[in-house]
């Protein structure tokens, strides 16, 4: 009865005030059944039910908070960012001493978006998008996301390779999986990064064979002991392959995904390096440490639209 009284009081407090009430909620562990469910642990952390297991504690993106009473869950794919403050009203224009000339047509600008697939798309080719570049050194030497092509353009650039390997239904399932799983990372892993890694690891071929370089790597993201394509459940297996690569594979033989590695190393490019090689020389991300030296450079050129297929 005391717990219910406290829970009601906390719920009423959140319903009547905009002030966050930062009471941390215990981390869930083990299996879960509501796939994609998000649980707010505090105003800055959350966890997701993915691949039948609760993830480790995940941090929200800078400038956002995990909304709702902590410990409650939502079926939405990501914690809801705090609303941005309304812009200040524009100052009234001074009265003109004489009849004013007709005002020019207003210029409409497109606000920044966390969903690159909503950006305007124009047909591009790898050659028109730029010449492949060579990158080395620390993460700061690699291109920022503001320089990347839009998701729609990158998707179009790689369409020929996708159509060569996959049928229309599998391509549609891959697009859904990329956008769904990107949403589950609360903006930490861009859908363009997921697409670039898929094309780098398998050319988008859902039927790609598994490889073993000391560990078993499966699926379109060649995840550590993840699942492979299933003709009995094409859409479900494609979704799981992307989840395995981004969110990681649980269990004693599993391994971290891109999200966990980015959080572990503190930036995107070191996380990508670790996804390929398992370890990182932060001073030179083109040192493959026994794996592919050009891996980060290849991903960078894919994101810039200078490499496809």
Protein backbone atom coordinates (compact mmCIF):
# COMPACT_ATOMS: atom_id res chain seq x y z
CA UNK A 1 0.00 0.00 0.00
CA UNK A 2 2.88 2.42 0.77
CA UNK A 3 4.46 1.73 -2.67
CA UNK A 4 1.14 2.45 -4.42
CA UNK A 5 0.74 5.68 -2.44
CA UNK A 6 4.27 6.81 -3.41
CA UNK A 7 3.68 5.84 -7.06
CA UNK A 8 0.44 7.84 -7.20
CA UNK A 9 2.15 10.82 -5.56
CA UNK A 10 5.02 10.74 -8.05
CA UNK A 11 2.58 10.42 -10.97
CA UNK A 12 0.60 13.44 -9.71
CA UNK A 13 3.78 15.45 -9.29
CA UNK A 14 4.82 14.76 -12.92
CA UNK A 15 1.30 15.61 -14.13
CA UNK A 16 1.28 19.05 -12.42
CA UNK A 17 4.81 20.34 -12.93
CA UNK A 18 7.35 20.54 -15.74
CA UNK A 19 10.25 19.96 -13.36
CA UNK A 20 11.94 16.58 -13.80
CA UNK A 21 11.97 14.38 -10.70
CA UNK A 22 15.29 12.55 -10.98
CA UNK A 23 14.70 9.38 -9.02
CA UNK A 24 16.73 6.59 -10.68
CA UNK A 25 14.89 3.34 -11.39
CA UNK A 26 16.54 -0.08 -11.01
CA UNK A 27 18.04 -1.59 -14.19
CA UNK A 28 16.14 -4.61 -15.56
CA UNK A 29 18.17 -7.65 -16.54
CA UNK A 30 17.56 -10.92 -18.31
CA UNK A 31 14.84 -11.78 -20.79
CA UNK A 32 11.91 -9.60 -21.86
CA UNK A 33 8.88 -10.19 -24.05
CA UNK A 34 7.70 -6.77 -25.27
CA UNK A 35 10.14 -6.23 -28.16
CA UNK A 36 11.03 -2.57 -28.70
CA UNK A 37 9.73 -1.44 -25.29
CA UNK A 38 11.67 1.47 -23.77
CA UNK A 39 12.06 1.95 -19.99
CA UNK A 40 13.22 5.30 -18.60
CA UNK A 41 15.73 4.68 -15.79
CA UNK A 42 16.34 8.39 -15.13
CA UNK A 43 15.98 11.63 -17.06
CA UNK A 44 19.22 10.82 -18.92
CA UNK A 45 19.27 7.01 -19.19
CA UNK A 46 17.03 4.26 -20.51
CA UNK A 47 17.07 0.65 -21.68
CA UNK A 48 15.34 -1.21 -24.52
CA UNK A 49 13.86 -4.68 -24.87
CA UNK A 50 15.83 -5.94 -27.89
CA UNK A 51 16.37 -9.48 -29.16
CA UNK A 52 14.41 -10.81 -26.20
CA UNK A 53 16.84 -9.32 -23.67
CA UNK A 54 17.03 -6.03 -21.77
CA UNK A 55 19.95 -3.92 -23.00
CA UNK A 56 22.52 -2.35 -20.72
CA UNK A 57 21.93 1.22 -19.54
CA UNK A 58 21.84 3.56 -22.57
CA UNK A 59 22.34 7.33 -22.46
CA UNK A 60 20.00 9.74 -24.23
CA UNK A 61 21.38 12.11 -26.86
CA UNK A 62 22.64 15.50 -25.74
CA UNK A 63 19.83 18.02 -25.27
CA UNK A 64 17.10 15.41 -24.72
CA UNK A 65 15.57 13.74 -21.69
CA UNK A 66 13.79 10.45 -21.15
CA UNK A 67 10.18 11.47 -20.48
CA UNK A 68 7.63 9.90 -18.15
CA UNK A 69 7.72 8.58 -14.59
CA UNK A 70 10.92 6.57 -14.26
CA UNK A 71 10.36 2.85 -14.44
CA UNK A 72 7.38 3.14 -16.73
CA UNK A 73 7.62 1.73 -20.22
CA UNK A 74 6.53 2.87 -23.61
CA UNK A 75 5.91 0.94 -26.80
CA UNK A 76 7.39 3.80 -28.80
CA UNK A 77 10.82 3.09 -30.21
CA UNK A 78 12.67 5.89 -28.41
CA UNK A 79 12.44 8.01 -25.27
CA UNK A 80 10.64 11.25 -26.13
CA UNK A 81 12.94 14.31 -26.31
CA UNK A 82 11.99 17.29 -24.19
CA UNK A 83 10.11 19.84 -26.34
CA UNK A 84 12.16 22.71 -27.67
CA UNK A 85 11.29 26.15 -26.25
CA UNK A 86 9.00 28.22 -28.44
CA UNK A 87 10.84 30.91 -30.39
CA UNK A 88 10.56 34.48 -29.12
CA UNK A 89 7.92 36.50 -31.00
CA UNK A 90 9.34 38.69 -33.72
CA UNK A 91 9.51 42.40 -33.03
CA UNK A 92 6.79 44.36 -34.86
CA UNK A 93 7.97 46.04 -38.04
CA UNK A 94 8.12 49.85 -37.87
CA UNK A 95 5.41 51.71 -39.73
CA UNK A 96 6.51 52.88 -43.16
CA UNK A 97 6.20 56.62 -43.86
CA UNK A 98 4.96 55.90 -47.36
CA UNK A 99 3.06 53.02 -48.93
CA UNK A 100 5.41 50.09 -48.88
CA UNK A 101 6.37 48.19 -51.97
CA UNK A 102 4.97 44.65 -52.18
CA UNK A 103 6.88 42.38 -49.82
CA UNK A 104 9.07 39.75 -51.46
CA UNK A 105 7.84 36.18 -51.34
CA UNK A 106 8.85 34.57 -48.03
CA UNK A 107 11.77 32.18 -48.14
CA UNK A 108 11.01 28.84 -46.55
CA UNK A 109 13.87 27.13 -44.78
CA UNK A 110 13.97 23.51 -43.70
CA UNK A 111 14.78 23.01 -40.00
CA UNK A 112 17.42 20.51 -38.95
CA UNK A 113 16.08 16.99 -38.53
CA UNK A 114 17.24 13.88 -36.76
CA UNK A 115 15.63 11.79 -39.50
CA UNK A 116 17.81 12.08 -42.60
CA UNK A 117 15.28 10.20 -44.71
CA UNK A 118 13.06 13.29 -44.59
CA UNK A 119 15.69 15.45 -46.29
CA UNK A 120 15.12 16.56 -49.87
CA UNK A 121 16.46 13.98 -52.27
CA UNK A 122 18.02 14.60 -55.67
CA UNK A 123 19.37 11.83 -57.88
CA UNK A 124 23.10 11.44 -57.41
CA UNK A 125 25.79 9.05 -58.51
CA UNK A 126 28.96 8.05 -56.71
CA UNK A 127 31.02 10.03 -59.20
CA UNK A 128 28.98 13.23 -58.79
CA UNK A 129 28.89 12.91 -55.01
CA UNK A 130 32.67 13.14 -54.81
CA UNK A 131 35.94 11.36 -55.32
CA UNK A 132 36.83 8.80 -52.61
CA UNK A 133 39.25 10.22 -50.06
CA UNK A 134 41.78 8.56 -47.76
CA UNK A 135 41.50 9.28 -44.04
CA UNK A 136 43.79 8.45 -41.15
CA UNK A 137 44.70 9.68 -37.71
CA UNK A 138 42.23 10.32 -34.86
CA UNK A 139 38.44 10.58 -35.08
CA UNK A 140 38.63 14.35 -35.54
CA UNK A 141 40.15 13.77 -39.00
CA UNK A 142 37.06 11.96 -40.27
CA UNK A 143 34.05 13.75 -41.83
CA UNK A 144 31.33 15.13 -39.56
CA UNK A 145 27.71 14.09 -40.13
CA UNK A 146 26.93 17.54 -41.55
CA UNK A 147 29.06 16.60 -44.60
CA UNK A 148 27.32 13.28 -45.25
CA UNK A 149 24.81 12.69 -48.03
CA UNK A 150 21.13 12.40 -47.10
CA UNK A 151 19.80 8.94 -46.35
CA UNK A 152 17.54 9.02 -49.42
CA UNK A 153 20.49 9.77 -51.69
CA UNK A 154 22.64 7.04 -50.13
CA UNK A 155 19.79 4.55 -50.42
CA UNK A 156 19.43 5.43 -54.11
CA UNK A 157 23.17 5.18 -54.71
CA UNK A 158 23.17 1.60 -53.39
CA UNK A 159 19.91 0.50 -55.01
CA UNK A 160 21.59 -1.24 -57.97
CA UNK A 161 23.63 -3.47 -55.64
CA UNK A 162 20.58 -4.19 -53.48
CA UNK A 163 18.47 -5.13 -56.50
CA UNK A 164 21.26 -7.37 -57.80
CA UNK A 165 21.27 -9.39 -54.56
CA UNK A 166 17.75 -9.15 -53.13
CA UNK A 167 14.12 -9.16 -54.19
CA UNK A 168 11.80 -6.19 -53.67
CA UNK A 169 10.23 -7.59 -50.49
CA UNK A 170 13.61 -8.13 -48.82
CA UNK A 171 14.79 -4.64 -49.83
CA UNK A 172 11.64 -3.14 -48.30
CA UNK A 173 12.20 -5.18 -45.11
CA UNK A 174 15.79 -3.95 -44.93
CA UNK A 175 14.69 -0.32 -45.19
CA UNK A 176 12.13 -0.83 -42.43
CA UNK A 177 14.71 -2.55 -40.23
CA UNK A 178 17.31 0.20 -40.70
CA UNK A 179 14.90 2.98 -39.82
CA UNK A 180 13.29 1.07 -36.93
CA UNK A 181 16.55 0.09 -35.25
CA UNK A 182 18.07 3.56 -35.75
CA UNK A 183 15.06 4.90 -33.87
CA UNK A 184 15.76 2.53 -30.99
CA UNK A 185 19.17 4.19 -30.38
CA UNK A 186 17.65 7.57 -29.48
CA UNK A 187 19.63 9.33 -32.20
CA UNK A 188 23.02 7.90 -31.24
CA UNK A 189 23.37 5.71 -34.35
CA UNK A 190 22.28 7.43 -37.56
CA UNK A 191 20.40 5.33 -40.11
CA UNK A 192 23.04 6.37 -42.67
CA UNK A 193 25.71 4.69 -40.54
CA UNK A 194 23.68 1.47 -40.38
CA UNK A 195 23.26 1.47 -44.16
CA UNK A 196 26.97 2.15 -44.72
CA UNK A 197 28.00 -0.74 -42.46
CA UNK A 198 25.52 -3.10 -44.15
CA UNK A 199 26.93 -2.24 -47.58
CA UNK A 200 30.51 -2.53 -46.30
CA UNK A 201 29.95 -5.91 -44.63
CA UNK A 202 27.70 -7.66 -47.15
CA UNK A 203 26.86 -5.33 -50.08
CA UNK A 204 23.32 -5.59 -48.70
CA UNK A 205 23.02 -9.26 -49.67
CA UNK A 206 20.58 -10.78 -47.18
CA UNK A 207 21.80 -14.25 -48.21
CA UNK A 208 25.44 -13.48 -47.37
CA UNK A 209 27.38 -16.42 -45.97
CA UNK A 210 28.78 -16.40 -42.45
CA UNK A 211 32.48 -15.82 -41.88
CA UNK A 212 34.76 -16.89 -39.09
CA UNK A 213 37.93 -15.03 -38.22
CA UNK A 214 38.21 -16.39 -34.72
CA UNK A 215 34.54 -15.61 -34.04
CA UNK A 216 31.39 -16.44 -35.99
CA UNK A 217 30.08 -13.43 -37.93
CA UNK A 218 26.60 -13.71 -39.41
CA UNK A 219 24.06 -11.73 -41.39
CA UNK A 220 24.07 -8.51 -43.38
CA UNK A 221 26.04 -6.70 -40.66
CA UNK A 222 28.28 -9.72 -39.96
CA UNK A 223 27.44 -9.43 -36.27
CA UNK A 224 29.21 -11.45 -33.60
CA UNK A 225 27.30 -14.76 -33.44
CA UNK A 226 24.10 -13.10 -34.68
CA UNK A 227 21.33 -14.62 -36.79
CA UNK A 228 21.35 -15.27 -40.53
CA UNK A 229 18.61 -14.97 -43.14
CA UNK A 230 15.64 -17.31 -42.75
CA UNK A 231 13.45 -18.09 -45.76
CA UNK A 232 10.75 -19.13 -43.28
CA UNK A 233 10.71 -15.62 -41.80
CA UNK A 234 12.39 -13.20 -44.22
CA UNK A 235 11.23 -9.91 -42.69
CA UNK A 236 11.75 -11.09 -39.11
CA UNK A 237 15.25 -12.40 -39.77
CA UNK A 238 16.27 -9.20 -41.59
CA UNK A 239 15.03 -7.12 -38.66
CA UNK A 240 16.99 -9.34 -36.25
CA UNK A 241 20.18 -9.13 -38.35
CA UNK A 242 20.08 -5.33 -38.09
CA UNK A 243 19.29 -5.44 -34.37
CA UNK A 244 22.21 -7.81 -33.80
CA UNK A 245 24.61 -5.49 -35.61
CA UNK A 246 23.45 -2.29 -33.93
CA UNK A 247 22.22 -3.36 -30.48
CA UNK A 248 24.50 -6.37 -30.04
CA UNK A 249 23.95 -10.07 -29.41
CA UNK A 250 23.28 -11.20 -25.85
CA UNK A 251 24.50 -14.41 -24.27
CA UNK A 252 27.90 -15.94 -23.57
CA UNK A 253 28.86 -16.22 -27.25
CA UNK A 254 27.44 -12.87 -28.34
CA UNK A 255 29.17 -9.57 -28.78
CA UNK A 256 28.51 -5.83 -28.66
CA UNK A 257 26.86 -3.94 -31.49
CA UNK A 258 27.78 -0.56 -32.95
CA UNK A 259 25.73 1.28 -30.32
CA UNK A 260 27.53 -0.30 -27.37
CA UNK A 261 30.94 0.28 -28.93
CA UNK A 262 30.22 3.94 -29.69
CA UNK A 263 29.16 4.40 -26.08
CA UNK A 264 32.22 2.51 -24.83
CA UNK A 265 34.75 4.54 -26.84
CA UNK A 266 32.93 7.85 -26.64
CA UNK A 267 32.72 8.70 -30.33
CA UNK A 268 31.34 7.28 -33.57
CA UNK A 269 34.56 6.67 -35.49
CA UNK A 270 36.34 4.78 -32.72
CA UNK A 271 33.19 2.70 -32.25
CA UNK A 272 33.17 1.87 -35.97
CA UNK A 273 36.86 0.94 -35.81
CA UNK A 274 36.17 -1.37 -32.87
CA UNK A 275 33.22 -2.97 -34.70
CA UNK A 276 35.65 -4.17 -37.38
CA UNK A 277 38.84 -4.87 -35.43
CA UNK A 278 37.72 -5.41 -31.83
CA UNK A 279 40.32 -2.94 -30.53
CA UNK A 280 41.31 0.63 -31.34
CA UNK A 281 44.42 2.72 -31.83
CA UNK A 282 42.77 6.09 -31.19
CA UNK A 283 45.72 7.96 -32.68
CA UNK A 284 45.32 6.24 -36.06
CA UNK A 285 41.95 4.75 -36.98
CA UNK A 286 43.46 3.43 -40.22
CA UNK A 287 45.49 0.96 -38.19
CA UNK A 288 43.38 -2.18 -38.57
CA UNK A 289 45.25 -4.02 -35.80
CA UNK A 290 44.99 -7.19 -37.87
CA UNK A 291 41.67 -6.34 -39.53
CA UNK A 292 40.79 -4.13 -42.50
CA UNK A 293 42.96 -0.96 -42.33
CA UNK A 294 40.67 1.04 -44.65
CA UNK A 295 37.45 0.15 -42.81
CA UNK A 296 36.82 3.63 -41.33
CA UNK A 297 37.88 5.30 -44.59
CA UNK A 298 35.48 3.04 -46.52
CA UNK A 299 32.59 3.89 -44.18
CA UNK A 300 33.43 7.61 -44.45
CA UNK A 301 33.37 7.48 -48.26
CA UNK A 302 30.09 5.58 -48.20
CA UNK A 303 28.56 8.26 -45.97
CA UNK A 304 29.84 10.98 -48.33
CA UNK A 305 28.32 9.17 -51.31
CA UNK A 306 31.73 8.57 -52.86
CA UNK A 307 31.55 4.76 -52.51
CA UNK A 308 28.59 2.48 -53.10
CA UNK A 309 27.72 -1.13 -53.75
